[in-house]
Amino acid sequence: MLLRILFLFVFFLLTAPAVRAQTTAEGQTAPPDEQNETMRDTLKRMQIKREEEEHKKIIGKGSQLKENAEALTKDAVDGRLPKSAEKRLKDIEKSARQIRSEAGGSQDEPLESPPENLADALKRLTETSERLNEQLAKTSRRVISIAVVEDATEVIQLVRLLRNYLK
């Protein structure tokens, strides 16, 4: 009985390297280190591509925010905004929140010097949205910009103020 166990042990010991040599010689499986490195490279490329696409979306949201702010200025009549401006205000606020979140900000801070009337508020919203759009175009996907966060927060606060001027 002991002889059989010893024979089987020696048999497996001698045949294992031969089986392993056949597998790698035929190219069926690559060593685990190469598989892991290839997988890591692929995942890294996918992550970079996803980050670039997200950055392009944020830049698009910045230009859309700017266009909506300019359209609001055109919609203002007799010191009031029409009810239809509510949708634009929601879109502006949503875009500003997403931009601020992507830039690393999260807190709302009150305006230091709020505008006195609708015309001043719209002018300030347009200027801030243009500045925000320019800064988004200048920054790369890896840069965290405090100016972007501050401008996005100011846009959010201005939108809240402008809601008071709806008919």
Protein backbone atom coordinates (compact mmCIF):
# COMPACT_ATOMS: atom_id res chain seq x y z
CA MET A 1 0.00 0.00 0.00
CA LEU A 2 2.79 2.39 0.88
CA LEU A 3 4.50 1.46 -2.35
CA ARG A 4 1.41 2.44 -4.37
CA ILE A 5 1.16 5.83 -2.69
CA LEU A 6 4.84 6.44 -3.26
CA PHE A 7 4.48 5.41 -6.92
CA LEU A 8 1.51 7.76 -7.48
CA PHE A 9 3.32 10.62 -5.79
CA VAL A 10 6.40 10.18 -8.00
CA PHE A 11 4.19 9.82 -11.08
CA PHE A 12 2.38 13.12 -10.41
CA LEU A 13 5.63 14.81 -9.54
CA LEU A 14 7.16 13.84 -12.88
CA THR A 15 4.12 14.51 -15.11
CA ALA A 16 3.09 17.91 -13.72
CA PRO A 17 5.96 19.88 -15.34
CA ALA A 18 5.29 18.20 -18.67
CA VAL A 19 1.63 19.18 -18.61
CA ARG A 20 2.50 22.76 -17.67
CA ALA A 21 5.07 22.97 -20.48
CA GLN A 22 2.47 21.84 -23.02
CA THR A 23 -0.03 24.47 -21.92
CA THR A 24 2.37 27.41 -22.21
CA ALA A 25 4.09 26.13 -25.37
CA GLU A 26 0.81 25.95 -27.26
CA GLY A 27 -0.03 29.51 -26.20
CA GLN A 28 -3.40 28.63 -24.76
CA THR A 29 -2.94 30.54 -21.54
CA ALA A 30 -0.66 33.44 -20.71
CA PRO A 31 1.00 33.76 -17.33
CA PRO A 32 -1.23 35.41 -14.71
CA ASP A 33 1.09 38.43 -14.41
CA GLU A 34 0.68 39.29 -18.10
CA GLN A 35 -3.09 38.83 -17.91
CA ASN A 36 -3.35 41.13 -14.91
CA GLU A 37 -1.19 43.83 -16.50
CA THR A 38 -3.18 43.75 -19.73
CA MET A 39 -6.42 43.91 -17.79
CA ARG A 40 -5.17 46.85 -15.71
CA ASP A 41 -4.11 48.72 -18.86
CA THR A 42 -7.50 48.15 -20.46
CA LEU A 43 -9.35 49.28 -17.34
CA LYS A 44 -7.16 52.39 -17.07
CA ARG A 45 -7.83 53.32 -20.72
CA MET A 46 -11.56 52.85 -20.18
CA GLN A 47 -11.44 55.05 -17.08
CA ILE A 48 -9.56 57.81 -18.92
CA LYS A 49 -12.04 57.70 -21.79
CA ARG A 50 -14.99 57.88 -19.38
CA GLU A 51 -13.43 60.86 -17.55
CA GLU A 52 -12.84 62.67 -20.86
CA GLU A 53 -16.45 62.10 -21.90
CA GLU A 54 -17.72 63.38 -18.55
CA HIS A 55 -15.54 66.48 -18.89
CA LYS A 56 -16.97 67.16 -22.36
CA LYS A 57 -20.48 66.87 -20.91
CA ILE A 58 -19.62 69.38 -18.18
CA ILE A 59 -18.26 71.82 -20.76
CA GLY A 60 -21.50 71.35 -22.72
CA LYS A 61 -23.52 72.08 -19.60
CA GLY A 62 -21.52 75.27 -19.12
CA SER A 63 -22.34 76.52 -22.60
CA GLN A 64 -25.99 75.51 -22.19
CA LEU A 65 -26.09 77.40 -18.88
CA LYS A 66 -24.69 80.49 -20.59
CA GLU A 67 -27.28 80.29 -23.38
CA ASN A 68 -30.13 79.90 -20.90
CA ALA A 69 -28.91 82.91 -18.91
CA GLU A 70 -28.81 85.03 -22.07
CA ALA A 71 -32.31 83.86 -23.02
CA LEU A 72 -33.61 84.83 -19.57
CA THR A 73 -32.34 88.37 -20.11
CA LYS A 74 -34.33 88.57 -23.36
CA ASP A 75 -37.47 87.17 -21.68
CA ALA A 76 -37.61 89.80 -18.92
CA VAL A 77 -40.46 92.26 -19.35
CA ASP A 78 -41.41 95.22 -17.09
CA GLY A 79 -39.28 94.10 -14.17
CA ARG A 80 -40.77 90.58 -14.13
CA LEU A 81 -40.00 87.20 -15.61
CA PRO A 82 -42.73 85.20 -17.37
CA LYS A 83 -43.84 81.86 -15.88
CA SER A 84 -42.16 80.10 -18.80
CA ALA A 85 -38.81 81.24 -17.38
CA GLU A 86 -39.23 78.77 -14.49
CA LYS A 87 -38.06 75.88 -16.69
CA ARG A 88 -34.95 77.82 -17.73
CA LEU A 89 -34.21 78.67 -14.11
CA LYS A 90 -34.49 74.98 -13.16
CA ASP A 91 -32.17 74.00 -16.02
CA ILE A 92 -29.64 76.65 -15.04
CA GLU A 93 -29.68 75.59 -11.40
CA LYS A 94 -29.41 71.89 -12.28
CA SER A 95 -26.47 72.49 -14.62
CA ALA A 96 -24.72 74.72 -12.07
CA ARG A 97 -25.14 72.08 -9.35
CA GLN A 98 -23.69 69.38 -11.60
CA ILE A 99 -20.76 71.58 -12.59
CA ARG A 100 -20.09 72.48 -8.97
CA SER A 101 -20.30 68.85 -7.91
CA GLU A 102 -17.87 67.73 -10.62
CA ALA A 103 -15.49 70.53 -9.65
CA GLY A 104 -15.45 69.33 -6.04
CA GLY A 105 -17.80 71.80 -4.38
CA SER A 106 -20.96 71.08 -2.46
CA GLN A 107 -22.02 73.89 -0.14
CA ASP A 108 -24.32 76.79 -0.85
CA GLU A 109 -23.03 80.12 0.37
CA PRO A 110 -25.16 83.28 0.37
CA LEU A 111 -24.28 86.11 -1.99
CA GLU A 112 -22.09 88.77 -0.44
CA SER A 113 -23.86 91.61 -2.21
CA PRO A 114 -27.16 90.52 -3.75
CA PRO A 115 -28.43 92.54 -6.71
CA GLU A 116 -31.12 95.14 -5.99
CA ASN A 117 -33.42 94.56 -8.98
CA LEU A 118 -34.18 92.15 -11.81
CA ALA A 119 -32.01 93.90 -14.39
CA ASP A 120 -28.96 93.79 -12.09
CA ALA A 121 -29.63 90.15 -11.20
CA LEU A 122 -29.93 89.13 -14.87
CA LYS A 123 -26.81 91.09 -15.80
CA ARG A 124 -24.85 89.46 -12.99
CA LEU A 125 -26.18 86.00 -13.93
CA THR A 126 -25.11 86.52 -17.54
CA GLU A 127 -21.65 87.75 -16.54
CA THR A 128 -21.13 84.92 -14.06
CA SER A 129 -22.31 82.28 -16.52
CA GLU A 130 -19.94 83.64 -19.19
CA ARG A 131 -17.05 83.61 -16.72
CA LEU A 132 -17.96 80.07 -15.62
CA ASN A 133 -18.11 78.89 -19.22
CA GLU A 134 -14.69 80.42 -19.99
CA GLN A 135 -13.12 78.82 -16.91
CA LEU A 136 -14.58 75.42 -17.77
CA ALA A 137 -13.07 75.66 -21.24
CA LYS A 138 -9.64 76.47 -19.75
CA THR A 139 -9.54 73.68 -17.17
CA SER A 140 -8.69 70.08 -17.88
CA ARG A 141 -10.56 67.10 -16.49
CA ARG A 142 -7.98 66.67 -13.74
CA VAL A 143 -8.03 70.23 -12.40
CA ILE A 144 -10.12 71.23 -9.42
CA SER A 145 -10.90 74.92 -9.81
CA ILE A 146 -12.05 76.98 -6.86
CA ALA A 147 -13.15 79.71 -9.26
CA VAL A 148 -15.47 77.25 -11.03
CA VAL A 149 -16.97 76.19 -7.70
CA GLU A 150 -17.47 79.81 -6.60
CA ASP A 151 -19.04 80.85 -9.91
CA ALA A 152 -21.36 77.83 -9.95
CA THR A 153 -22.44 78.60 -6.39
CA GLU A 154 -23.09 82.23 -7.34
CA VAL A 155 -25.21 81.11 -10.30
CA ILE A 156 -27.28 78.89 -7.98
CA GLN A 157 -27.85 81.75 -5.54
CA LEU A 158 -28.79 84.13 -8.36
CA VAL A 159 -31.33 81.63 -9.69
CA ARG A 160 -32.92 81.44 -6.24
CA LEU A 161 -33.09 85.22 -6.16
CA LEU A 162 -34.56 85.40 -9.68
CA ARG A 163 -37.41 83.06 -8.73
CA ASN A 164 -38.82 85.95 -6.72
CA TYR A 165 -39.32 87.90 -9.98
CA LEU A 166 -41.58 85.30 -11.64
CA LYS A 167 -45.09 86.49 -12.52
